[in-house]
Amino acid sequence: MSPRAEDRGFGFDDAVDAIGAQSRLLSGAVASADLDTRVPTTPKWSVRDLAHHLGTEQWYWSENVRAKNPAERSGGSLTALPPDNDLFAWLGWCTYSLISALRDAGPDSPCWAWWGDPTPHTAGAVARHQAQEAAVHRWDAEGAIGSPAPLPSQLATDGVPEFIEVMVGPDVVALRSGVSLHATDTDESWRVGPDASGADTASTSTTTELHATASDLVLMLYRRLAVPDTDIDGDPMLVAALLSLADTS
């Protein structure tokens, strides 16, 4: 787990707990929805598709965590998806599989992962990323049936640097200038750019700033929320360029 995550008080146990809490909320939304309803923030998916996606992702990562082999991807696709009447129980099983694998392994256990350096290939890094995966997709599911609740502040505050480190990573060099992300509710800032490391506080060379709550910043980064021009101080095209660097489905 990144030291910055620990320094903010959001460690491995917090990430694993968040996976469980956000997944349960997603399952509750799925259970109360018409499974054929399209998900507004991921319109290519129905609620059923969204549930299948999260469940298979959690099972897949549980297999990689258990394998403890950073050099080789383990497991494949699930051979069968559940019938609709078993979907709620199946989601619970997939979440339990991931959580139990993570707790058994511990944060420093080696694990295959698709991201590059410097983010470690460990169970801790998987837990950190899967906490964001569960939270954003929980928000998707709730949006299909009503008004989604914001991401918990502490989870979202870790979600911004996690996105920078994992979803953007070395591709940040494609930005022609820096962007600073400011969480208005926690008063934390992160700089993203070709001459930045994602560390707190913005450099004087930053030309563009994006201001929003930590939850809205994460949802903007994952392209779940539009970025209002009123939240940008500087060049909106730089923010658009940042968002284009990651596959956020």
C-alpha atoms as a PDB file:
ATOM      1  CA  MET A   1       0.000   0.000   0.000  1.00  0.00           C
ATOM      2  CA  SER A   2       1.269   3.434  -0.849  1.00  0.00           C
ATOM      3  CA  PRO A   3       2.751   5.314   2.124  1.00  0.00           C
ATOM      4  CA  ARG A   4       0.556   8.262   1.224  1.00  0.00           C
ATOM      5  CA  ALA A   5      -2.535   6.138   1.775  1.00  0.00           C
ATOM      6  CA  GLU A   6      -1.283   5.073   5.193  1.00  0.00           C
ATOM      7  CA  ASP A   7      -0.293   8.630   6.096  1.00  0.00           C
ATOM      8  CA  ARG A   8      -3.854   9.758   5.462  1.00  0.00           C
ATOM      9  CA  GLY A   9      -5.131   7.111   7.831  1.00  0.00           C
ATOM     10  CA  PHE A  10      -6.513   4.962   5.016  1.00  0.00           C
ATOM     11  CA  GLY A  11      -4.644   1.682   5.195  1.00  0.00           C
ATOM     12  CA  PHE A  12      -5.054  -1.916   4.128  1.00  0.00           C
ATOM     13  CA  ASP A  13      -7.772  -2.796   6.647  1.00  0.00           C
ATOM     14  CA  ASP A  14      -9.705   0.343   5.695  1.00  0.00           C
ATOM     15  CA  ALA A  15      -9.526  -0.593   2.010  1.00  0.00           C
ATOM     16  CA  VAL A  16     -10.722  -4.153   2.664  1.00  0.00           C
ATOM     17  CA  ASP A  17     -13.549  -2.848   4.863  1.00  0.00           C
ATOM     18  CA  ALA A  18     -14.520  -0.395   2.109  1.00  0.00           C
ATOM     19  CA  ILE A  19     -14.683  -3.208  -0.453  1.00  0.00           C
ATOM     20  CA  GLY A  20     -17.178  -5.002   1.785  1.00  0.00           C
ATOM     21  CA  ALA A  21     -19.256  -1.935   2.643  1.00  0.00           C
ATOM     22  CA  GLN A  22     -19.478  -0.555  -0.905  1.00  0.00           C
ATOM     23  CA  SER A  23     -20.166  -3.990  -2.392  1.00  0.00           C
ATOM     24  CA  ARG A  24     -23.031  -4.585   0.033  1.00  0.00           C
ATOM     25  CA  LEU A  25     -24.557  -1.256  -0.941  1.00  0.00           C
ATOM     26  CA  LEU A  26     -24.194  -2.135  -4.616  1.00  0.00           C
ATOM     27  CA  SER A  27     -25.837  -5.513  -4.018  1.00  0.00           C
ATOM     28  CA  GLY A  28     -28.729  -3.792  -2.255  1.00  0.00           C
ATOM     29  CA  ALA A  29     -29.229  -1.462  -5.217  1.00  0.00           C
ATOM     30  CA  VAL A  30     -29.106  -4.397  -7.636  1.00  0.00           C
ATOM     31  CA  ALA A  31     -31.636  -6.340  -5.564  1.00  0.00           C
ATOM     32  CA  SER A  32     -34.134  -3.467  -5.755  1.00  0.00           C
ATOM     33  CA  ALA A  33     -33.670  -2.726  -9.465  1.00  0.00           C
ATOM     34  CA  ASP A  34     -35.128  -4.023 -12.681  1.00  0.00           C
ATOM     35  CA  LEU A  35     -32.060  -5.870 -13.958  1.00  0.00           C
ATOM     36  CA  ASP A  36     -32.716  -4.736 -17.532  1.00  0.00           C
ATOM     37  CA  THR A  37     -32.508  -1.045 -16.555  1.00  0.00           C
ATOM     38  CA  ARG A  38     -29.669   0.740 -18.327  1.00  0.00           C
ATOM     39  CA  VAL A  39     -27.052   2.307 -16.045  1.00  0.00           C
ATOM     40  CA  PRO A  40     -26.986   6.049 -16.868  1.00  0.00           C
ATOM     41  CA  THR A  41     -23.256   6.464 -16.216  1.00  0.00           C
ATOM     42  CA  THR A  42     -22.286   3.317 -18.161  1.00  0.00           C
ATOM     43  CA  PRO A  43     -25.099   3.122 -20.749  1.00  0.00           C
ATOM     44  CA  LYS A  44     -23.625   0.109 -22.541  1.00  0.00           C
ATOM     45  CA  TRP A  45     -24.439  -1.878 -19.391  1.00  0.00           C
ATOM     46  CA  SER A  46     -27.697  -2.917 -17.791  1.00  0.00           C
ATOM     47  CA  VAL A  47     -27.866  -3.306 -14.009  1.00  0.00           C
ATOM     48  CA  ARG A  48     -27.377  -7.027 -14.601  1.00  0.00           C
ATOM     49  CA  ASP A  49     -24.221  -6.341 -16.646  1.00  0.00           C
ATOM     50  CA  LEU A  50     -22.868  -4.065 -13.924  1.00  0.00           C
ATOM     51  CA  ALA A  51     -23.412  -6.761 -11.291  1.00  0.00           C
ATOM     52  CA  HIS A  52     -21.726  -9.365 -13.487  1.00  0.00           C
ATOM     53  CA  HIS A  53     -18.793  -7.027 -14.050  1.00  0.00           C
ATOM     54  CA  LEU A  54     -18.115  -6.331 -10.396  1.00  0.00           C
ATOM     55  CA  GLY A  55     -18.592  -9.945  -9.348  1.00  0.00           C
ATOM     56  CA  THR A  56     -16.248 -11.340 -11.989  1.00  0.00           C
ATOM     57  CA  GLU A  57     -13.657  -8.643 -11.218  1.00  0.00           C
ATOM     58  CA  GLN A  58     -13.692  -9.490  -7.524  1.00  0.00           C
ATOM     59  CA  TRP A  59     -13.408 -13.217  -8.178  1.00  0.00           C
ATOM     60  CA  TYR A  60     -10.606 -12.638 -10.692  1.00  0.00           C
ATOM     61  CA  TRP A  61      -8.557 -10.563  -8.251  1.00  0.00           C
ATOM     62  CA  SER A  62      -9.144 -13.061  -5.453  1.00  0.00           C
ATOM     63  CA  GLU A  63      -7.495 -15.714  -7.667  1.00  0.00           C
ATOM     64  CA  ASN A  64      -4.494 -13.480  -8.347  1.00  0.00           C
ATOM     65  CA  VAL A  65      -4.078 -12.576  -4.678  1.00  0.00           C
ATOM     66  CA  ARG A  66      -4.184 -16.234  -3.660  1.00  0.00           C
ATOM     67  CA  ALA A  67      -1.610 -17.212  -6.306  1.00  0.00           C
ATOM     68  CA  LYS A  68       1.038 -14.825  -4.858  1.00  0.00           C
ATOM     69  CA  ASN A  69       2.844 -14.800  -8.198  1.00  0.00           C
ATOM     70  CA  PRO A  70       3.671 -11.279  -9.427  1.00  0.00           C
ATOM     71  CA  ALA A  71       5.184 -12.639 -12.659  1.00  0.00           C
ATOM     72  CA  GLU A  72       2.106 -14.363 -14.041  1.00  0.00           C
ATOM     73  CA  ARG A  73      -1.618 -13.655 -14.183  1.00  0.00           C
ATOM     74  CA  SER A  74      -3.712 -16.335 -12.515  1.00  0.00           C
ATOM     75  CA  GLY A  75      -7.221 -17.516 -13.272  1.00  0.00           C
ATOM     76  CA  GLY A  76      -9.477 -16.629 -16.131  1.00  0.00           C
ATOM     77  CA  SER A  77     -13.102 -15.792 -16.679  1.00  0.00           C
ATOM     78  CA  LEU A  78     -15.774 -17.465 -14.637  1.00  0.00           C
ATOM     79  CA  THR A  79     -17.177 -20.357 -16.641  1.00  0.00           C
ATOM     80  CA  ALA A  80     -20.795 -19.452 -15.891  1.00  0.00           C
ATOM     81  CA  LEU A  81     -22.704 -16.425 -14.664  1.00  0.00           C
ATOM     82  CA  PRO A  82     -25.576 -16.863 -12.228  1.00  0.00           C
ATOM     83  CA  PRO A  83     -29.275 -16.901 -13.094  1.00  0.00           C
ATOM     84  CA  ASP A  84     -31.045 -13.725 -12.051  1.00  0.00           C
ATOM     85  CA  ASN A  85     -32.607 -15.285  -8.959  1.00  0.00           C
ATOM     86  CA  ASP A  86     -29.128 -16.172  -7.651  1.00  0.00           C
ATOM     87  CA  LEU A  87     -27.460 -12.873  -8.530  1.00  0.00           C
ATOM     88  CA  PHE A  88     -27.606 -11.310  -5.046  1.00  0.00           C
ATOM     89  CA  ALA A  89     -26.099 -14.396  -3.374  1.00  0.00           C
ATOM     90  CA  TRP A  90     -23.480 -14.723  -6.139  1.00  0.00           C
ATOM     91  CA  LEU A  91     -22.351 -11.129  -5.638  1.00  0.00           C
ATOM     92  CA  GLY A  92     -21.955 -11.798  -1.927  1.00  0.00           C
ATOM     93  CA  TRP A  93     -19.869 -14.877  -2.671  1.00  0.00           C
ATOM     94  CA  CYS A  94     -17.571 -12.961  -5.058  1.00  0.00           C
ATOM     95  CA  THR A  95     -17.040 -10.179  -2.519  1.00  0.00           C
ATOM     96  CA  TYR A  96     -16.361 -12.692   0.250  1.00  0.00           C
ATOM     97  CA  SER A  97     -13.859 -14.478  -2.008  1.00  0.00           C
ATOM     98  CA  LEU A  98     -11.894 -11.263  -2.560  1.00  0.00           C
ATOM     99  CA  ILE A  99     -12.017 -10.093   1.049  1.00  0.00           C
ATOM    100  CA  SER A 100     -10.955 -13.460   2.451  1.00  0.00           C
ATOM    101  CA  ALA A 101      -8.088 -13.715  -0.060  1.00  0.00           C
ATOM    102  CA  LEU A 102      -6.856 -10.243   0.863  1.00  0.00           C
ATOM    103  CA  ARG A 103      -7.062 -10.814   4.609  1.00  0.00           C
ATOM    104  CA  ASP A 104      -5.325 -14.191   4.327  1.00  0.00           C
ATOM    105  CA  ALA A 105      -2.537 -12.720   2.193  1.00  0.00           C
ATOM    106  CA  GLY A 106      -1.871  -9.437   4.010  1.00  0.00           C
ATOM    107  CA  PRO A 107      -0.867  -6.141   2.392  1.00  0.00           C
ATOM    108  CA  ASP A 108       2.721  -7.022   1.473  1.00  0.00           C
ATOM    109  CA  SER A 109       1.990 -10.329  -0.259  1.00  0.00           C
ATOM    110  CA  PRO A 110       3.206 -10.314  -3.895  1.00  0.00           C
ATOM    111  CA  CYS A 111       0.525 -10.393  -6.567  1.00  0.00           C
ATOM    112  CA  TRP A 112       0.234 -10.031 -10.326  1.00  0.00           C
ATOM    113  CA  ALA A 113      -1.260  -6.688 -11.401  1.00  0.00           C
ATOM    114  CA  TRP A 114      -1.700  -4.893 -14.712  1.00  0.00           C
ATOM    115  CA  TRP A 115      -0.368  -1.533 -13.551  1.00  0.00           C
ATOM    116  CA  GLY A 116       3.230  -0.459 -13.890  1.00  0.00           C
ATOM    117  CA  ASP A 117       5.816   0.933 -11.530  1.00  0.00           C
ATOM    118  CA  PRO A 118       6.038   2.583  -9.098  1.00  0.00           C
ATOM    119  CA  THR A 119       2.720   1.197  -7.795  1.00  0.00           C
ATOM    120  CA  PRO A 120       3.626  -2.111  -6.115  1.00  0.00           C
ATOM    121  CA  HIS A 121       2.336  -5.471  -7.283  1.00  0.00           C
ATOM    122  CA  THR A 122       0.985  -6.494  -3.894  1.00  0.00           C
ATOM    123  CA  ALA A 123      -2.283  -7.481  -2.260  1.00  0.00           C
ATOM    124  CA  GLY A 124      -2.278  -4.070  -0.591  1.00  0.00           C
ATOM    125  CA  ALA A 125      -2.301  -2.275  -3.923  1.00  0.00           C
ATOM    126  CA  VAL A 126      -5.079  -4.586  -5.143  1.00  0.00           C
ATOM    127  CA  ALA A 127      -7.157  -3.800  -2.043  1.00  0.00           C
ATOM    128  CA  ARG A 128      -6.655  -0.094  -2.553  1.00  0.00           C
ATOM    129  CA  HIS A 129      -7.752  -0.221  -6.196  1.00  0.00           C
ATOM    130  CA  GLN A 130     -10.658  -2.603  -5.597  1.00  0.00           C
ATOM    131  CA  ALA A 131     -12.017  -0.276  -2.908  1.00  0.00           C
ATOM    132  CA  GLN A 132     -12.332   2.428  -5.572  1.00  0.00           C
ATOM    133  CA  GLU A 133     -13.769  -0.051  -8.084  1.00  0.00           C
ATOM    134  CA  ALA A 134     -16.502  -1.072  -5.635  1.00  0.00           C
ATOM    135  CA  ALA A 135     -17.267   2.517  -4.650  1.00  0.00           C
ATOM    136  CA  VAL A 136     -17.562   3.897  -8.182  1.00  0.00           C
ATOM    137  CA  HIS A 137     -19.700   0.974  -9.357  1.00  0.00           C
ATOM    138  CA  ARG A 138     -21.871   1.272  -6.236  1.00  0.00           C
ATOM    139  CA  TRP A 139     -22.462   4.881  -7.294  1.00  0.00           C
ATOM    140  CA  ASP A 140     -23.318   3.621 -10.801  1.00  0.00           C
ATOM    141  CA  ALA A 141     -25.833   1.105  -9.431  1.00  0.00           C
ATOM    142  CA  GLU A 142     -27.533   3.602  -7.129  1.00  0.00           C
ATOM    143  CA  GLY A 143     -27.767   6.049 -10.019  1.00  0.00           C
ATOM    144  CA  ALA A 144     -29.784   3.487 -11.955  1.00  0.00           C
ATOM    145  CA  ILE A 145     -32.509   3.439  -9.310  1.00  0.00           C
ATOM    146  CA  GLY A 146     -32.415   6.978  -7.906  1.00  0.00           C
ATOM    147  CA  SER A 147     -29.984   9.500  -6.470  1.00  0.00           C
ATOM    148  CA  PRO A 148     -26.584   7.993  -5.599  1.00  0.00           C
ATOM    149  CA  ALA A 149     -24.881   8.894  -2.337  1.00  0.00           C
ATOM    150  CA  PRO A 150     -21.411  10.494  -2.527  1.00  0.00           C
ATOM    151  CA  LEU A 151     -18.361   8.351  -1.969  1.00  0.00           C
ATOM    152  CA  PRO A 152     -17.254   8.356   1.703  1.00  0.00           C
ATOM    153  CA  SER A 153     -14.849  11.246   2.208  1.00  0.00           C
ATOM    154  CA  GLN A 154     -11.871   9.229   3.481  1.00  0.00           C
ATOM    155  CA  LEU A 155     -12.226   6.663   0.701  1.00  0.00           C
ATOM    156  CA  ALA A 156     -12.548   9.382  -1.946  1.00  0.00           C
ATOM    157  CA  THR A 157      -9.565  11.282  -0.558  1.00  0.00           C
ATOM    158  CA  ASP A 158      -7.437   8.212  -1.188  1.00  0.00           C
ATOM    159  CA  GLY A 159      -9.141   7.686  -4.528  1.00  0.00           C
ATOM    160  CA  VAL A 160      -7.653  10.806  -6.120  1.00  0.00           C
ATOM    161  CA  PRO A 161      -3.961   9.872  -5.670  1.00  0.00           C
ATOM    162  CA  GLU A 162      -4.808   6.217  -6.368  1.00  0.00           C
ATOM    163  CA  PHE A 163      -6.243   7.253  -9.734  1.00  0.00           C
ATOM    164  CA  ILE A 164      -3.156   9.346 -10.504  1.00  0.00           C
ATOM    165  CA  GLU A 165      -0.764   6.532  -9.600  1.00  0.00           C
ATOM    166  CA  VAL A 166      -2.622   3.577 -11.145  1.00  0.00           C
ATOM    167  CA  MET A 167      -5.057   4.753 -13.813  1.00  0.00           C
ATOM    168  CA  VAL A 168      -2.788   7.474 -15.238  1.00  0.00           C
ATOM    169  CA  GLY A 169       0.678   6.372 -14.144  1.00  0.00           C
ATOM    170  CA  PRO A 170       3.535   7.050 -16.595  1.00  0.00           C
ATOM    171  CA  ASP A 171       1.084   8.296 -19.254  1.00  0.00           C
ATOM    172  CA  VAL A 172       1.037  11.584 -17.369  1.00  0.00           C
ATOM    173  CA  VAL A 173       3.961  12.716 -19.544  1.00  0.00           C
ATOM    174  CA  ALA A 174       1.407  13.198 -22.329  1.00  0.00           C
ATOM    175  CA  LEU A 175       0.105  16.321 -20.569  1.00  0.00           C
ATOM    176  CA  ARG A 176       1.695  19.481 -21.865  1.00  0.00           C
ATOM    177  CA  SER A 177       1.355  21.195 -18.494  1.00  0.00           C
ATOM    178  CA  GLY A 178       0.323  20.475 -14.934  1.00  0.00           C
ATOM    179  CA  VAL A 179      -3.141  20.161 -13.431  1.00  0.00           C
ATOM    180  CA  SER A 180      -3.820  20.569  -9.710  1.00  0.00           C
ATOM    181  CA  LEU A 181      -6.774  18.787  -8.109  1.00  0.00           C
ATOM    182  CA  HIS A 182      -8.121  20.415  -4.945  1.00  0.00           C
ATOM    183  CA  ALA A 183     -10.568  18.663  -2.602  1.00  0.00           C
ATOM    184  CA  THR A 184     -12.755  21.421  -1.190  1.00  0.00           C
ATOM    185  CA  ASP A 185     -14.050  19.313   1.705  1.00  0.00           C
ATOM    186  CA  THR A 186     -10.694  17.991   2.964  1.00  0.00           C
ATOM    187  CA  ASP A 187      -8.416  20.853   1.843  1.00  0.00           C
ATOM    188  CA  GLU A 188      -5.963  18.462   0.158  1.00  0.00           C
ATOM    189  CA  SER A 189      -4.337  18.971  -3.216  1.00  0.00           C
ATOM    190  CA  TRP A 190      -2.607  16.776  -5.788  1.00  0.00           C
ATOM    191  CA  ARG A 191      -0.569  17.868  -8.765  1.00  0.00           C
ATOM    192  CA  VAL A 192      -0.661  15.877 -11.998  1.00  0.00           C
ATOM    193  CA  GLY A 193       1.717  16.615 -14.837  1.00  0.00           C
ATOM    194  CA  PRO A 194       4.884  15.675 -16.698  1.00  0.00           C
ATOM    195  CA  ASP A 195       7.043  17.246 -13.988  1.00  0.00           C
ATOM    196  CA  ALA A 196       5.009  16.073 -10.977  1.00  0.00           C
ATOM    197  CA  SER A 197       4.861  12.964  -8.843  1.00  0.00           C
ATOM    198  CA  GLY A 198       1.305  13.294  -7.555  1.00  0.00           C
ATOM    199  CA  ALA A 199       2.560  14.713  -4.276  1.00  0.00           C
ATOM    200  CA  ASP A 200       0.505  17.093  -2.180  1.00  0.00           C
ATOM    201  CA  THR A 201       0.515  20.833  -2.872  1.00  0.00           C
ATOM    202  CA  ALA A 202       0.655  22.390  -6.274  1.00  0.00           C
ATOM    203  CA  SER A 203       3.734  23.748  -7.972  1.00  0.00           C
ATOM    204  CA  THR A 204       3.892  27.396  -9.001  1.00  0.00           C
ATOM    205  CA  SER A 205       4.133  26.227 -12.628  1.00  0.00           C
ATOM    206  CA  THR A 206       0.617  24.766 -12.542  1.00  0.00           C
ATOM    207  CA  THR A 207      -1.614  26.469 -15.085  1.00  0.00           C
ATOM    208  CA  THR A 208      -4.920  24.725 -14.411  1.00  0.00           C
ATOM    209  CA  GLU A 209      -6.777  23.878 -11.197  1.00  0.00           C
ATOM    210  CA  LEU A 210      -9.864  21.740 -10.622  1.00  0.00           C
ATOM    211  CA  HIS A 211     -11.828  22.325  -7.394  1.00  0.00           C
ATOM    212  CA  ALA A 212     -14.521  19.935  -6.080  1.00  0.00           C
ATOM    213  CA  THR A 213     -15.258  17.671  -3.146  1.00  0.00           C
ATOM    214  CA  ALA A 214     -13.081  14.563  -2.933  1.00  0.00           C
ATOM    215  CA  SER A 215     -16.053  12.414  -3.968  1.00  0.00           C
ATOM    216  CA  ASP A 216     -16.813  14.579  -6.994  1.00  0.00           C
ATOM    217  CA  LEU A 217     -13.139  14.648  -7.983  1.00  0.00           C
ATOM    218  CA  VAL A 218     -13.031  10.842  -8.067  1.00  0.00           C
ATOM    219  CA  LEU A 219     -16.295  10.684  -9.999  1.00  0.00           C
ATOM    220  CA  MET A 220     -15.044  13.301 -12.460  1.00  0.00           C
ATOM    221  CA  LEU A 221     -11.779  11.407 -12.939  1.00  0.00           C
ATOM    222  CA  TYR A 222     -13.726   8.229 -13.668  1.00  0.00           C
ATOM    223  CA  ARG A 223     -15.939  10.257 -16.011  1.00  0.00           C
ATOM    224  CA  ARG A 224     -19.076   9.614 -14.005  1.00  0.00           C
ATOM    225  CA  LEU A 225     -19.676  13.337 -13.512  1.00  0.00           C
ATOM    226  CA  ALA A 226     -19.179  16.114 -16.023  1.00  0.00           C
ATOM    227  CA  VAL A 227     -16.618  18.750 -15.089  1.00  0.00           C
ATOM    228  CA  PRO A 228     -18.351  22.129 -14.756  1.00  0.00           C
ATOM    229  CA  ASP A 229     -16.403  25.040 -16.218  1.00  0.00           C
ATOM    230  CA  THR A 230     -17.056  26.865 -12.940  1.00  0.00           C
ATOM    231  CA  ASP A 231     -14.865  24.307 -11.118  1.00  0.00           C
ATOM    232  CA  ILE A 232     -11.890  24.918 -13.420  1.00  0.00           C
ATOM    233  CA  ASP A 233      -9.393  27.732 -12.992  1.00  0.00           C
ATOM    234  CA  GLY A 234      -7.314  27.690 -16.153  1.00  0.00           C
ATOM    235  CA  ASP A 235      -7.445  25.646 -19.354  1.00  0.00           C
ATOM    236  CA  PRO A 236     -10.391  23.181 -19.570  1.00  0.00           C
ATOM    237  CA  MET A 237      -8.597  21.315 -22.355  1.00  0.00           C
ATOM    238  CA  LEU A 238      -5.895  20.228 -19.906  1.00  0.00           C
ATOM    239  CA  VAL A 239      -8.526  18.682 -17.650  1.00  0.00           C
ATOM    240  CA  ALA A 240     -10.063  16.928 -20.663  1.00  0.00           C
ATOM    241  CA  ALA A 241      -6.612  15.658 -21.646  1.00  0.00           C
ATOM    242  CA  LEU A 242      -6.087  14.258 -18.145  1.00  0.00           C
ATOM    243  CA  LEU A 243      -9.418  12.425 -18.225  1.00  0.00           C
ATOM    244  CA  SER A 244      -8.602  10.924 -21.618  1.00  0.00           C
ATOM    245  CA  LEU A 245      -5.505   9.126 -20.287  1.00  0.00           C
ATOM    246  CA  ALA A 246      -7.377   6.321 -18.494  1.00  0.00           C
ATOM    247  CA  ASP A 247      -9.867   3.606 -19.433  1.00  0.00           C
ATOM    248  CA  THR A 248     -12.526   4.131 -16.782  1.00  0.00           C
ATOM    249  CA  SER A 249     -15.308   1.655 -17.637  1.00  0.00           C
END
